[in-house]
Amino acid sequence: MTSARTAVNRTVLAGAGLALLTGGTYLAAARAPIADRLPHGWPAPATDAVLLDSGTLADLRAQGWWTPAVITAGVLATVLLGWWLLRQLHPRRRTRLPLAVPRGDLRTRALEDVIAERAMSINGISRCRARLYVRRRRLHLHLHLHLHLHLRIWLDTGTAPDTVIEQLTALSSEAAPAAAPYEIDTLLRINHVTHRVQHVR
């Protein structure tokens, strides 16, 4: 996740939490044990107080601006929530990570393509799909980015996994310097190519 997306998520959560905390504090102040300990002159609600009673709600609905305001707020909330949801669904494809070299950055999509191409050049591998996922790890009060490489390969018929694992391990080790200063963990999944048998009717 990018820092901007993280900031938006935290802002939304903080706003919702603050609204709930304010309403809960207001209602909790109506209890006698708490109301007795409030400072002198502190605005405290009545014992049976609610945030919005039926009478107040009826008065608001009678206002001419109530219906347009509710519709506008609903549309804006729907658009904002939809935009926020779409932002959560497509975070990885645009990931750029600053590298150790000056004015250098790493596009995870480009590194995925290179790794997949190198893997398919190994004898016995017919297909490969590489995916890089960025994870945040907190170590000693510092936030570090960690890369997880999910490597899925399809072997040709008759190819044993042991014949390609060593070369794939070397490929993962070669990709580590390209992503410095970030560390890469590799998860390997091996499949065999299946051929459909034609049925004669």
N, C-alpha and C. Protein backbone atom coordinates (compact mmCIF):
# COMPACT_ATOMS: atom_id res chain seq x y z
N MET A 1 0.83 -1.18 0.00
CA MET A 1 0.00 0.00 0.00
C MET A 1 0.87 1.24 0.00
N THR A 2 0.44 2.17 -0.69
CA THR A 2 1.19 3.40 -0.73
C THR A 2 0.90 4.23 0.50
N SER A 3 1.78 5.21 0.73
CA SER A 3 1.63 6.05 1.91
C SER A 3 0.36 6.90 1.82
N ALA A 4 0.01 7.34 0.60
CA ALA A 4 -1.21 8.15 0.45
C ALA A 4 -2.44 7.33 0.79
N ARG A 5 -2.48 6.09 0.33
CA ARG A 5 -3.63 5.23 0.62
C ARG A 5 -3.72 4.92 2.11
N THR A 6 -2.56 4.70 2.72
CA THR A 6 -2.54 4.45 4.16
C THR A 6 -3.04 5.66 4.93
N ALA A 7 -2.65 6.86 4.50
CA ALA A 7 -3.11 8.07 5.17
C ALA A 7 -4.62 8.24 5.05
N VAL A 8 -5.17 7.95 3.86
CA VAL A 8 -6.62 8.05 3.67
C VAL A 8 -7.36 7.05 4.56
N ASN A 9 -6.86 5.81 4.58
CA ASN A 9 -7.51 4.78 5.41
C ASN A 9 -7.49 5.17 6.88
N ARG A 10 -6.36 5.64 7.35
CA ARG A 10 -6.26 6.03 8.76
C ARG A 10 -7.13 7.23 9.06
N THR A 11 -7.24 8.16 8.11
CA THR A 11 -8.08 9.34 8.33
C THR A 11 -9.55 8.95 8.44
N VAL A 12 -9.99 8.04 7.56
CA VAL A 12 -11.38 7.58 7.61
C VAL A 12 -11.67 6.85 8.92
N LEU A 13 -10.76 5.97 9.31
CA LEU A 13 -10.96 5.24 10.56
C LEU A 13 -10.94 6.18 11.77
N ALA A 14 -10.03 7.14 11.75
CA ALA A 14 -9.95 8.09 12.86
C ALA A 14 -11.20 8.96 12.94
N GLY A 15 -11.72 9.38 11.77
CA GLY A 15 -12.94 10.18 11.77
C GLY A 15 -14.14 9.41 12.30
N ALA A 16 -14.27 8.15 11.85
CA ALA A 16 -15.38 7.33 12.34
C ALA A 16 -15.24 7.05 13.83
N GLY A 17 -14.02 6.78 14.27
CA GLY A 17 -13.81 6.54 15.70
C GLY A 17 -14.08 7.77 16.54
N LEU A 18 -13.69 8.94 16.05
CA LEU A 18 -13.94 10.18 16.79
C LEU A 18 -15.43 10.48 16.90
N ALA A 19 -16.18 10.21 15.80
CA ALA A 19 -17.62 10.44 15.85
C ALA A 19 -18.29 9.51 16.85
N LEU A 20 -17.90 8.25 16.84
CA LEU A 20 -18.48 7.30 17.80
C LEU A 20 -18.08 7.64 19.23
N LEU A 21 -16.84 8.06 19.41
CA LEU A 21 -16.39 8.43 20.75
C LEU A 21 -17.13 9.64 21.28
N THR A 22 -17.37 10.62 20.41
CA THR A 22 -18.09 11.83 20.84
C THR A 22 -19.52 11.50 21.23
N GLY A 23 -20.22 10.72 20.39
CA GLY A 23 -21.58 10.35 20.72
C GLY A 23 -21.67 9.49 21.97
N GLY A 24 -20.73 8.53 22.12
CA GLY A 24 -20.74 7.70 23.31
C GLY A 24 -20.46 8.49 24.58
N THR A 25 -19.53 9.45 24.49
CA THR A 25 -19.23 10.28 25.65
C THR A 25 -20.42 11.15 26.05
N TYR A 26 -21.11 11.66 25.03
CA TYR A 26 -22.28 12.50 25.31
C TYR A 26 -23.36 11.71 26.05
N LEU A 27 -23.62 10.48 25.57
CA LEU A 27 -24.65 9.67 26.21
C LEU A 27 -24.19 9.15 27.57
N ALA A 28 -22.89 8.85 27.68
CA ALA A 28 -22.40 8.35 28.97
C ALA A 28 -22.47 9.42 30.04
N ALA A 29 -22.39 10.68 29.63
CA ALA A 29 -22.46 11.77 30.62
C ALA A 29 -23.83 11.88 31.26
N ALA A 30 -24.84 11.22 30.66
CA ALA A 30 -26.18 11.28 31.24
C ALA A 30 -26.30 10.39 32.46
N ARG A 31 -25.40 9.46 32.66
CA ARG A 31 -25.47 8.58 33.83
C ARG A 31 -25.12 9.37 35.09
N ALA A 32 -25.85 9.11 36.16
CA ALA A 32 -25.67 9.88 37.39
C ALA A 32 -24.25 9.80 37.95
N PRO A 33 -23.59 8.62 38.03
CA PRO A 33 -22.24 8.58 38.59
C PRO A 33 -21.24 9.45 37.82
N ILE A 34 -21.42 9.52 36.51
CA ILE A 34 -20.50 10.34 35.71
C ILE A 34 -20.91 11.80 35.78
N ALA A 35 -22.20 12.06 35.73
CA ALA A 35 -22.67 13.44 35.75
C ALA A 35 -22.25 14.16 37.03
N ASP A 36 -22.20 13.44 38.14
CA ASP A 36 -21.81 14.07 39.40
C ASP A 36 -20.35 14.49 39.42
N ARG A 37 -19.52 13.85 38.58
CA ARG A 37 -18.09 14.15 38.58
C ARG A 37 -17.69 15.17 37.50
N LEU A 38 -18.65 15.62 36.70
CA LEU A 38 -18.34 16.59 35.66
C LEU A 38 -18.03 17.95 36.28
N PRO A 39 -17.17 18.74 35.64
CA PRO A 39 -16.87 20.09 36.15
C PRO A 39 -18.13 20.95 36.21
N HIS A 40 -18.10 21.95 37.07
CA HIS A 40 -19.24 22.84 37.23
C HIS A 40 -19.49 23.59 35.92
N GLY A 41 -20.73 23.61 35.49
CA GLY A 41 -21.08 24.30 34.25
C GLY A 41 -20.90 23.45 33.00
N TRP A 42 -20.47 22.19 33.18
CA TRP A 42 -20.27 21.33 32.02
C TRP A 42 -21.64 20.96 31.43
N PRO A 43 -21.81 21.11 30.08
CA PRO A 43 -23.13 20.80 29.49
C PRO A 43 -23.40 19.31 29.52
N ALA A 44 -24.32 18.90 30.34
CA ALA A 44 -24.65 17.48 30.47
C ALA A 44 -26.08 17.25 30.00
N PRO A 45 -26.32 16.17 29.25
CA PRO A 45 -27.68 15.90 28.78
C PRO A 45 -28.56 15.38 29.90
N ALA A 46 -29.84 15.31 29.61
CA ALA A 46 -30.77 14.76 30.58
C ALA A 46 -30.55 13.27 30.73
N THR A 47 -31.14 12.69 31.78
CA THR A 47 -30.91 11.27 32.07
C THR A 47 -31.41 10.38 30.93
N ASP A 48 -32.54 10.73 30.32
CA ASP A 48 -33.11 9.92 29.24
C ASP A 48 -32.76 10.48 27.87
N ALA A 49 -31.66 11.20 27.77
CA ALA A 49 -31.32 11.88 26.51
C ALA A 49 -30.84 10.87 25.47
N VAL A 50 -31.11 11.20 24.21
CA VAL A 50 -30.63 10.44 23.06
C VAL A 50 -29.99 11.43 22.09
N LEU A 51 -29.25 10.89 21.14
CA LEU A 51 -28.60 11.79 20.19
C LEU A 51 -29.61 12.49 19.28
N LEU A 52 -30.66 11.79 18.88
CA LEU A 52 -31.66 12.37 17.99
C LEU A 52 -33.00 11.72 18.29
N ASP A 53 -33.89 12.48 18.96
CA ASP A 53 -35.18 11.90 19.31
C ASP A 53 -36.16 12.04 18.13
N SER A 54 -37.31 11.42 18.25
CA SER A 54 -38.28 11.40 17.16
C SER A 54 -38.84 12.78 16.87
N GLY A 55 -39.00 13.60 17.91
CA GLY A 55 -39.52 14.95 17.68
C GLY A 55 -38.56 15.81 16.88
N THR A 56 -37.30 15.76 17.25
CA THR A 56 -36.31 16.54 16.51
C THR A 56 -36.20 16.05 15.08
N LEU A 57 -36.25 14.73 14.89
CA LEU A 57 -36.17 14.18 13.53
C LEU A 57 -37.36 14.60 12.69
N ALA A 58 -38.55 14.65 13.28
CA ALA A 58 -39.73 15.10 12.54
C ALA A 58 -39.62 16.56 12.14
N ASP A 59 -39.06 17.38 13.04
CA ASP A 59 -38.87 18.80 12.70
C ASP A 59 -37.89 18.97 11.55
N LEU A 60 -36.82 18.15 11.55
CA LEU A 60 -35.85 18.24 10.46
C LEU A 60 -36.46 17.82 9.13
N ARG A 61 -37.28 16.79 9.14
CA ARG A 61 -37.90 16.33 7.91
C ARG A 61 -38.88 17.34 7.36
N ALA A 62 -39.42 18.19 8.21
CA ALA A 62 -40.36 19.22 7.75
C ALA A 62 -39.66 20.37 7.05
N GLN A 63 -38.36 20.48 7.22
CA GLN A 63 -37.61 21.56 6.58
C GLN A 63 -37.47 21.29 5.08
N GLY A 64 -37.46 22.36 4.30
CA GLY A 64 -37.35 22.21 2.85
C GLY A 64 -35.99 21.72 2.38
N TRP A 65 -34.97 21.99 3.14
CA TRP A 65 -33.63 21.59 2.71
C TRP A 65 -33.28 20.15 3.11
N TRP A 66 -34.14 19.50 3.90
CA TRP A 66 -33.80 18.18 4.44
C TRP A 66 -33.65 17.12 3.34
N THR A 67 -34.66 17.01 2.47
CA THR A 67 -34.61 15.96 1.43
C THR A 67 -33.43 16.16 0.47
N PRO A 68 -33.21 17.37 -0.10
CA PRO A 68 -32.05 17.53 -0.97
C PRO A 68 -30.71 17.28 -0.25
N ALA A 69 -30.64 17.66 1.02
CA ALA A 69 -29.40 17.46 1.76
C ALA A 69 -29.12 15.98 1.97
N VAL A 70 -30.17 15.20 2.32
CA VAL A 70 -29.98 13.76 2.53
C VAL A 70 -29.60 13.07 1.23
N ILE A 71 -30.24 13.44 0.11
CA ILE A 71 -29.92 12.82 -1.18
C ILE A 71 -28.48 13.16 -1.59
N THR A 72 -28.10 14.43 -1.44
CA THR A 72 -26.74 14.83 -1.81
C THR A 72 -25.70 14.12 -0.95
N ALA A 73 -25.96 14.04 0.35
CA ALA A 73 -25.02 13.36 1.24
C ALA A 73 -24.91 11.88 0.89
N GLY A 74 -26.05 11.25 0.56
CA GLY A 74 -26.02 9.84 0.19
C GLY A 74 -25.25 9.59 -1.08
N VAL A 75 -25.45 10.47 -2.09
CA VAL A 75 -24.72 10.31 -3.35
C VAL A 75 -23.22 10.52 -3.14
N LEU A 76 -22.85 11.55 -2.40
CA LEU A 76 -21.44 11.81 -2.13
C LEU A 76 -20.80 10.66 -1.36
N ALA A 77 -21.51 10.15 -0.36
CA ALA A 77 -20.97 9.03 0.41
C ALA A 77 -20.79 7.80 -0.46
N THR A 78 -21.76 7.53 -1.35
CA THR A 78 -21.65 6.37 -2.25
C THR A 78 -20.46 6.52 -3.19
N VAL A 79 -20.30 7.70 -3.77
CA VAL A 79 -19.18 7.94 -4.70
C VAL A 79 -17.84 7.81 -3.99
N LEU A 80 -17.74 8.40 -2.81
CA LEU A 80 -16.47 8.34 -2.07
C LEU A 80 -16.13 6.92 -1.64
N LEU A 81 -17.14 6.19 -1.15
CA LEU A 81 -16.89 4.81 -0.75
C LEU A 81 -16.55 3.92 -1.94
N GLY A 82 -17.22 4.16 -3.08
CA GLY A 82 -16.88 3.41 -4.28
C GLY A 82 -15.48 3.69 -4.77
N TRP A 83 -15.09 4.97 -4.76
CA TRP A 83 -13.73 5.35 -5.15
C TRP A 83 -12.71 4.73 -4.21
N TRP A 84 -13.00 4.75 -2.92
CA TRP A 84 -12.08 4.17 -1.93
C TRP A 84 -11.95 2.66 -2.15
N LEU A 85 -13.06 1.98 -2.45
CA LEU A 85 -13.01 0.54 -2.69
C LEU A 85 -12.18 0.22 -3.92
N LEU A 86 -12.36 0.97 -5.00
CA LEU A 86 -11.57 0.73 -6.20
C LEU A 86 -10.08 0.96 -5.96
N ARG A 87 -9.76 1.92 -5.13
CA ARG A 87 -8.36 2.17 -4.81
C ARG A 87 -7.75 1.00 -4.05
N GLN A 88 -8.57 0.29 -3.27
CA GLN A 88 -8.05 -0.85 -2.53
C GLN A 88 -7.85 -2.06 -3.44
N LEU A 89 -8.60 -2.14 -4.53
CA LEU A 89 -8.54 -3.32 -5.39
C LEU A 89 -7.36 -3.30 -6.35
N HIS A 90 -6.78 -2.13 -6.61
CA HIS A 90 -5.68 -2.05 -7.58
C HIS A 90 -4.47 -1.33 -6.99
N PRO A 91 -3.91 -1.85 -5.90
CA PRO A 91 -2.75 -1.16 -5.35
C PRO A 91 -1.43 -1.63 -5.94
N ARG A 92 -1.35 -2.93 -6.32
CA ARG A 92 -0.04 -3.50 -6.60
C ARG A 92 0.49 -3.14 -7.98
N ARG A 93 -0.38 -2.95 -8.95
CA ARG A 93 0.09 -2.79 -10.32
C ARG A 93 0.82 -1.47 -10.51
N ARG A 94 0.65 -0.52 -9.64
CA ARG A 94 1.29 0.79 -9.81
C ARG A 94 2.42 1.02 -8.82
N THR A 95 2.88 -0.06 -8.19
CA THR A 95 3.85 0.10 -7.12
C THR A 95 5.20 0.54 -7.67
N ARG A 96 5.75 1.60 -7.11
CA ARG A 96 7.11 2.06 -7.41
C ARG A 96 7.84 2.18 -6.08
N LEU A 97 9.01 1.61 -6.01
CA LEU A 97 9.79 1.63 -4.78
C LEU A 97 11.10 2.36 -5.01
N PRO A 98 11.44 3.30 -4.15
CA PRO A 98 12.74 3.98 -4.29
C PRO A 98 13.88 3.03 -3.97
N LEU A 99 14.92 3.06 -4.81
CA LEU A 99 16.07 2.19 -4.63
C LEU A 99 17.19 2.91 -3.89
N ALA A 100 18.25 2.16 -3.62
CA ALA A 100 19.38 2.74 -2.89
C ALA A 100 20.16 3.73 -3.74
N VAL A 101 20.14 3.53 -5.07
CA VAL A 101 20.88 4.44 -5.96
C VAL A 101 20.14 5.76 -6.06
N PRO A 102 20.86 6.87 -6.26
CA PRO A 102 20.20 8.18 -6.35
C PRO A 102 19.26 8.24 -7.55
N ARG A 103 18.08 8.78 -7.34
CA ARG A 103 17.07 9.02 -8.37
C ARG A 103 16.69 7.72 -9.08
N GLY A 104 16.71 6.65 -8.36
CA GLY A 104 16.33 5.35 -8.93
C GLY A 104 15.11 4.80 -8.25
N ASP A 105 14.27 4.14 -9.01
CA ASP A 105 13.11 3.48 -8.43
C ASP A 105 12.89 2.14 -9.13
N LEU A 106 12.10 1.30 -8.50
CA LEU A 106 11.84 -0.05 -8.99
C LEU A 106 10.35 -0.20 -9.27
N ARG A 107 10.02 -0.61 -10.48
CA ARG A 107 8.64 -0.93 -10.83
C ARG A 107 8.47 -2.43 -10.67
N THR A 108 7.61 -2.81 -9.76
CA THR A 108 7.45 -4.23 -9.46
C THR A 108 6.96 -5.01 -10.68
N ARG A 109 6.16 -4.39 -11.53
CA ARG A 109 5.67 -5.08 -12.74
C ARG A 109 6.84 -5.42 -13.65
N ALA A 110 7.79 -4.51 -13.80
CA ALA A 110 8.94 -4.77 -14.66
C ALA A 110 9.79 -5.91 -14.12
N LEU A 111 10.00 -5.94 -12.80
CA LEU A 111 10.79 -7.01 -12.22
C LEU A 111 10.06 -8.35 -12.34
N GLU A 112 8.74 -8.34 -12.22
CA GLU A 112 7.97 -9.57 -12.42
C GLU A 112 8.17 -10.13 -13.82
N ASP A 113 8.11 -9.25 -14.83
CA ASP A 113 8.26 -9.70 -16.21
C ASP A 113 9.65 -10.29 -16.45
N VAL A 114 10.68 -9.66 -15.89
CA VAL A 114 12.04 -10.16 -16.08
C VAL A 114 12.21 -11.52 -15.43
N ILE A 115 11.70 -11.66 -14.20
CA ILE A 115 11.83 -12.95 -13.50
C ILE A 115 11.10 -14.05 -14.25
N ALA A 116 9.91 -13.77 -14.73
CA ALA A 116 9.14 -14.78 -15.47
C ALA A 116 9.86 -15.17 -16.76
N GLU A 117 10.42 -14.18 -17.46
CA GLU A 117 11.14 -14.48 -18.70
C GLU A 117 12.37 -15.32 -18.44
N ARG A 118 13.12 -14.99 -17.38
CA ARG A 118 14.32 -15.77 -17.05
C ARG A 118 13.94 -17.19 -16.63
N ALA A 119 12.83 -17.33 -15.91
CA ALA A 119 12.42 -18.66 -15.47
C ALA A 119 12.03 -19.54 -16.66
N MET A 120 11.34 -18.96 -17.65
CA MET A 120 10.91 -19.76 -18.80
C MET A 120 12.08 -20.14 -19.70
N SER A 121 13.24 -19.51 -19.53
CA SER A 121 14.42 -19.89 -20.30
C SER A 121 15.10 -21.14 -19.74
N ILE A 122 14.66 -21.60 -18.56
CA ILE A 122 15.22 -22.81 -17.97
C ILE A 122 14.59 -24.02 -18.64
N ASN A 123 15.44 -24.98 -18.98
CA ASN A 123 14.94 -26.20 -19.63
C ASN A 123 13.96 -26.94 -18.72
N GLY A 124 12.84 -27.32 -19.28
CA GLY A 124 11.83 -28.06 -18.54
C GLY A 124 10.68 -27.22 -18.04
N ILE A 125 10.79 -25.88 -18.12
CA ILE A 125 9.72 -24.98 -17.66
C ILE A 125 9.02 -24.42 -18.89
N SER A 126 7.73 -24.66 -18.96
CA SER A 126 6.95 -24.19 -20.11
C SER A 126 6.24 -22.87 -19.84
N ARG A 127 5.82 -22.65 -18.60
CA ARG A 127 5.12 -21.42 -18.25
C ARG A 127 5.59 -20.95 -16.88
N CYS A 128 5.46 -19.65 -16.65
CA CYS A 128 5.83 -19.09 -15.35
C CYS A 128 5.00 -17.84 -15.11
N ARG A 129 4.58 -17.68 -13.87
CA ARG A 129 3.88 -16.47 -13.46
C ARG A 129 4.52 -15.95 -12.18
N ALA A 130 5.01 -14.75 -12.22
CA ALA A 130 5.69 -14.13 -11.08
C ALA A 130 4.87 -12.96 -10.58
N ARG A 131 4.70 -12.86 -9.27
CA ARG A 131 3.98 -11.76 -8.65
C ARG A 131 4.76 -11.27 -7.44
N LEU A 132 4.93 -9.96 -7.38
CA LEU A 132 5.62 -9.33 -6.26
C LEU A 132 4.59 -8.58 -5.42
N TYR A 133 4.60 -8.83 -4.12
CA TYR A 133 3.70 -8.16 -3.19
C TYR A 133 4.53 -7.40 -2.16
N VAL A 134 4.13 -6.17 -1.90
CA VAL A 134 4.85 -5.32 -0.96
C VAL A 134 4.20 -5.44 0.40
N ARG A 135 4.98 -5.73 1.40
CA ARG A 135 4.49 -5.83 2.78
C ARG A 135 5.29 -4.88 3.66
N ARG A 136 4.61 -4.34 4.64
CA ARG A 136 5.26 -3.44 5.59
C ARG A 136 5.54 -4.21 6.88
N ARG A 137 6.75 -4.10 7.35
CA ARG A 137 7.17 -4.81 8.56
C ARG A 137 7.78 -3.80 9.53
N ARG A 138 7.31 -3.82 10.77
CA ARG A 138 7.81 -2.90 11.78
C ARG A 138 8.87 -3.60 12.62
N LEU A 139 10.09 -3.05 12.58
CA LEU A 139 11.21 -3.60 13.33
C LEU A 139 11.85 -2.50 14.16
N HIS A 140 11.82 -2.68 15.48
CA HIS A 140 12.48 -1.72 16.39
C HIS A 140 11.97 -0.30 16.13
N LEU A 141 10.67 -0.16 16.07
CA LEU A 141 10.00 1.14 15.92
C LEU A 141 10.26 1.78 14.56
N HIS A 142 10.83 1.03 13.61
CA HIS A 142 11.05 1.54 12.26
C HIS A 142 10.24 0.69 11.28
N LEU A 143 9.70 1.34 10.25
CA LEU A 143 8.87 0.66 9.27
C LEU A 143 9.72 0.31 8.06
N HIS A 144 9.77 -0.99 7.73
CA HIS A 144 10.56 -1.47 6.60
C HIS A 144 9.64 -2.13 5.59
N LEU A 145 10.00 -1.94 4.30
CA LEU A 145 9.25 -2.60 3.24
C LEU A 145 9.91 -3.94 2.94
N HIS A 146 9.06 -4.95 2.75
CA HIS A 146 9.53 -6.30 2.47
C HIS A 146 8.80 -6.78 1.23
N LEU A 147 9.51 -7.46 0.33
CA LEU A 147 8.93 -7.95 -0.90
C LEU A 147 8.72 -9.46 -0.82
N HIS A 148 7.54 -9.89 -1.24
CA HIS A 148 7.23 -11.32 -1.29
C HIS A 148 7.06 -11.70 -2.75
N LEU A 149 7.87 -12.62 -3.23
CA LEU A 149 7.81 -13.09 -4.60
C LEU A 149 7.07 -14.42 -4.64
N HIS A 150 5.92 -14.42 -5.30
CA HIS A 150 5.15 -15.64 -5.50
C HIS A 150 5.46 -16.14 -6.92
N LEU A 151 6.15 -17.25 -7.00
CA LEU A 151 6.60 -17.79 -8.27
C LEU A 151 5.86 -19.10 -8.53
N ARG A 152 5.09 -19.12 -9.59
CA ARG A 152 4.36 -20.32 -9.97
C ARG A 152 4.83 -20.76 -11.34
N ILE A 153 5.27 -22.01 -11.46
CA ILE A 153 5.80 -22.51 -12.72
C ILE A 153 5.04 -23.77 -13.13
N TRP A 154 5.04 -24.02 -14.42
CA TRP A 154 4.46 -25.23 -14.99
C TRP A 154 5.57 -25.99 -15.71
N LEU A 155 5.79 -27.22 -15.31
CA LEU A 155 6.85 -28.05 -15.88
C LEU A 155 6.33 -28.83 -17.08
N ASP A 156 7.24 -29.09 -18.02
CA ASP A 156 6.90 -29.95 -19.14
C ASP A 156 6.67 -31.37 -18.65
N THR A 157 5.96 -32.12 -19.42
CA THR A 157 5.70 -33.51 -19.06
C THR A 157 7.01 -34.30 -18.97
N GLY A 158 7.20 -35.02 -17.88
CA GLY A 158 8.40 -35.81 -17.69
C GLY A 158 9.53 -35.07 -16.99
N THR A 159 9.35 -33.78 -16.68
CA THR A 159 10.39 -33.01 -15.99
C THR A 159 10.20 -33.13 -14.48
N ALA A 160 11.25 -33.52 -13.80
CA ALA A 160 11.20 -33.66 -12.34
C ALA A 160 11.44 -32.30 -11.69
N PRO A 161 10.74 -31.99 -10.61
CA PRO A 161 10.96 -30.71 -9.93
C PRO A 161 12.40 -30.50 -9.46
N ASP A 162 13.09 -31.58 -9.07
CA ASP A 162 14.45 -31.43 -8.56
C ASP A 162 15.39 -30.86 -9.60
N THR A 163 15.07 -31.02 -10.88
CA THR A 163 15.97 -30.56 -11.93
C THR A 163 15.93 -29.05 -12.14
N VAL A 164 14.90 -28.36 -11.60
CA VAL A 164 14.79 -26.92 -11.83
C VAL A 164 14.85 -26.11 -10.53
N ILE A 165 14.72 -26.75 -9.39
CA ILE A 165 14.66 -26.01 -8.13
C ILE A 165 15.96 -25.24 -7.89
N GLU A 166 17.10 -25.88 -8.15
CA GLU A 166 18.38 -25.21 -7.91
C GLU A 166 18.52 -23.97 -8.78
N GLN A 167 18.12 -24.07 -10.04
CA GLN A 167 18.22 -22.91 -10.94
C GLN A 167 17.23 -21.81 -10.54
N LEU A 168 16.05 -22.20 -10.07
CA LEU A 168 15.09 -21.19 -9.61
C LEU A 168 15.58 -20.50 -8.35
N THR A 169 16.26 -21.25 -7.48
CA THR A 169 16.84 -20.63 -6.28
C THR A 169 17.90 -19.61 -6.66
N ALA A 170 18.72 -19.95 -7.66
CA ALA A 170 19.73 -19.00 -8.14
C ALA A 170 19.08 -17.77 -8.76
N LEU A 171 17.96 -17.98 -9.47
CA LEU A 171 17.24 -16.85 -10.07
C LEU A 171 16.71 -15.91 -9.00
N SER A 172 16.16 -16.46 -7.92
CA SER A 172 15.67 -15.62 -6.82
C SER A 172 16.81 -14.85 -6.17
N SER A 173 17.97 -15.48 -6.05
CA SER A 173 19.13 -14.80 -5.46
C SER A 173 19.62 -13.67 -6.36
N GLU A 174 19.52 -13.85 -7.67
CA GLU A 174 19.93 -12.81 -8.60
C GLU A 174 18.99 -11.61 -8.55
N ALA A 175 17.72 -11.85 -8.24
CA ALA A 175 16.75 -10.75 -8.20
C ALA A 175 16.91 -9.90 -6.96
N ALA A 176 17.52 -10.45 -5.91
CA ALA A 176 17.66 -9.71 -4.65
C ALA A 176 18.45 -8.41 -4.80
N PRO A 177 19.64 -8.40 -5.48
CA PRO A 177 20.37 -7.14 -5.62
C PRO A 177 19.60 -6.07 -6.40
N ALA A 178 18.74 -6.50 -7.34
CA ALA A 178 17.99 -5.53 -8.13
C ALA A 178 16.96 -4.79 -7.28
N ALA A 179 16.54 -5.40 -6.18
CA ALA A 179 15.54 -4.78 -5.31
C ALA A 179 16.15 -4.16 -4.06
N ALA A 180 17.48 -4.15 -3.95
CA ALA A 180 18.12 -3.57 -2.77
C ALA A 180 17.67 -2.12 -2.58
N PRO A 181 17.41 -1.68 -1.36
CA PRO A 181 17.72 -2.30 -0.06
C PRO A 181 16.61 -3.19 0.50
N TYR A 182 15.65 -3.61 -0.34
CA TYR A 182 14.54 -4.41 0.16
C TYR A 182 14.90 -5.90 0.08
N GLU A 183 14.41 -6.65 1.03
CA GLU A 183 14.62 -8.09 1.05
C GLU A 183 13.47 -8.78 0.32
N ILE A 184 13.79 -9.91 -0.31
CA ILE A 184 12.80 -10.66 -1.07
C ILE A 184 12.66 -12.06 -0.48
N ASP A 185 11.43 -12.43 -0.14
CA ASP A 185 11.10 -13.80 0.25
C ASP A 185 10.38 -14.46 -0.92
N THR A 186 10.74 -15.67 -1.23
CA THR A 186 10.20 -16.36 -2.40
C THR A 186 9.32 -17.53 -1.97
N LEU A 187 8.14 -17.60 -2.55
CA LEU A 187 7.23 -18.72 -2.38
C LEU A 187 7.08 -19.39 -3.74
N LEU A 188 7.51 -20.64 -3.82
CA LEU A 188 7.53 -21.37 -5.09
C LEU A 188 6.41 -22.39 -5.14
N ARG A 189 5.69 -22.39 -6.23
CA ARG A 189 4.63 -23.37 -6.46
C ARG A 189 4.88 -24.02 -7.81
N ILE A 190 4.92 -25.35 -7.83
CA ILE A 190 5.25 -26.10 -9.04
C ILE A 190 4.05 -26.91 -9.49
N ASN A 191 3.74 -26.81 -10.78
CA ASN A 191 2.68 -27.60 -11.40
C ASN A 191 3.23 -28.27 -12.65
N HIS A 192 2.55 -29.29 -13.08
CA HIS A 192 2.88 -29.94 -14.34
C HIS A 192 1.84 -29.58 -15.39
N VAL A 193 2.30 -29.44 -16.62
CA VAL A 193 1.38 -29.15 -17.71
C VAL A 193 0.54 -30.39 -17.98
N THR A 194 -0.77 -30.19 -18.00
CA THR A 194 -1.68 -31.30 -18.27
C THR A 194 -2.18 -31.20 -19.70
N HIS A 195 -2.26 -32.32 -20.33
CA HIS A 195 -2.75 -32.38 -21.71
C HIS A 195 -4.10 -33.10 -21.72
N ARG A 196 -5.06 -32.49 -22.33
CA ARG A 196 -6.38 -33.08 -22.42
C ARG A 196 -6.37 -34.22 -23.45
N VAL A 197 -6.95 -35.32 -23.04
CA VAL A 197 -7.06 -36.47 -23.94
C VAL A 197 -8.33 -36.33 -24.76
N GLN A 198 -8.18 -36.43 -26.07
CA GLN A 198 -9.34 -36.31 -26.95
C GLN A 198 -10.23 -37.54 -26.83
N HIS A 199 -11.52 -37.32 -26.72
CA HIS A 199 -12.48 -38.41 -26.61
C HIS A 199 -13.14 -38.64 -27.98
N VAL A 200 -13.19 -39.87 -28.36
CA VAL A 200 -13.81 -40.22 -29.64
C VAL A 200 -15.20 -40.76 -29.38
N ARG A 201 -16.15 -40.18 -30.04
CA ARG A 201 -17.54 -40.63 -29.88
C ARG A 201 -17.95 -41.50 -31.05
